[in-house]
Amino acid sequence: MIRTIFVLFVLACATALPVAVSAENLTAHEMAARGLEHAEDFPGLISICNIDEPIRDAAEKRSEGEKKQDRSGRRSEHLAPTQVFDNLYYVGTGGVASWVLETSEGLIIIDALNNNAEAEKYIVDGLETLGLDPNELQYLVITHGHGDHYGGQELLVSRYQPKVVMSDIEWTILEQPVLDFSSPRWGERPKRDISINDGDTITLGETTVQLHVTPGHTPGTVSLIFPVYDNGERHMAALWGGTGLNYGPVEDRIQSYSEAAERFRQEAKAANVDVFISNHPTRDGSAKRIKALAERQQGEKHPFVIGNGTALGALEMLRDCTQAQVLRIREGNE
């Protein structure tokens, strides 16, 4: 079902998509090496470039030993609730992000963690610790339909009634009777509320958030561009909505990832994005930058403000390394 929805989405958008980034007759390893030119800035993305290991399929059952190894590899330090910019706050765990954008007319929250208990402990308590009122939640944007990003929505929706936003294609996937894979840690799926398509926006108060459908991690992943402020100085942030490859060597889906990264790179370039974040703080470097922010001295550069060229480098890395995975499949080395 997911594959059918994905193919229909690609066909519907084909005329609007730019030509995929050219492989320029490079081999898979050469393309991966091109992506890895940005590895020093984004070490959390390096695994996407690994073309010598099988591409993981999360739907396949794994042994207990593999599960334990995977869990140990994902352990991360606790992150305290943090005001990252004048209008942007982190209230996630050490492994999964939840970002809160403050506007003059309320709060926009991006992702809801694994379950209601996490939403209570990290989001609600985190907002209150930061002096924000959870009752001001107006929108909950869910980047994609994996439970570590929607699982705590039930508590937030029942208690604070934010409007829930996902891409139309992702709502359709979540409405299937059975999902491709799930976890007992995940809370209830959200019920369809606001459906968005590529290029739509949300405006709340003086803040406008661009929403872009960037298929690849899932068929309907949403990535965002929005303004942030550092002591009143305006910057532009890009939030990449889904990073890993978790469905095996499916060439057309991985090709769509590379194309989406390039399209989003062009949007980020046009918006002069100089901040890159994602919904996993070890992927985008947020975990380290939050610690650096706590030690920032007056007059020092904001650790999240990395410049337009470096921010675009993350998307070039995602574009080239997923293209390398496509080439690897075509070379018969999947």
Foldseek 3Di string as FASTA:
>chain_A
DQVVLLVVVCVVCVVVFDDFDDPVPDFLLVLLVVLCVLCVQFVLQNVLQDQQDFAAAQLDDDDPVVVVVVVVVQDFDFDAWADQFPFKIWQAGQFFTWIWGDAPQAIEIEFQAAAQVSNVVRVCVSCVVVVHHLLRHAEYEQQAPAQRGCQNVVNSCVPNNHFYEFAPSRQVQLPDPDHSDHDPRGHDHDHDGHHDAAQDWDDGHPWIKTWGQQFQQGSGGIKIKIWGHHVRHIAIEIEGEGRGRHRTLDQVRLSSNLSSLVVVLVVCVVVFHQFYHYGTCSRNVVVVQRVVQVVDDPPDDRSRRHGSVSNSSVSSSRNSSSVSSNSCVVVVND
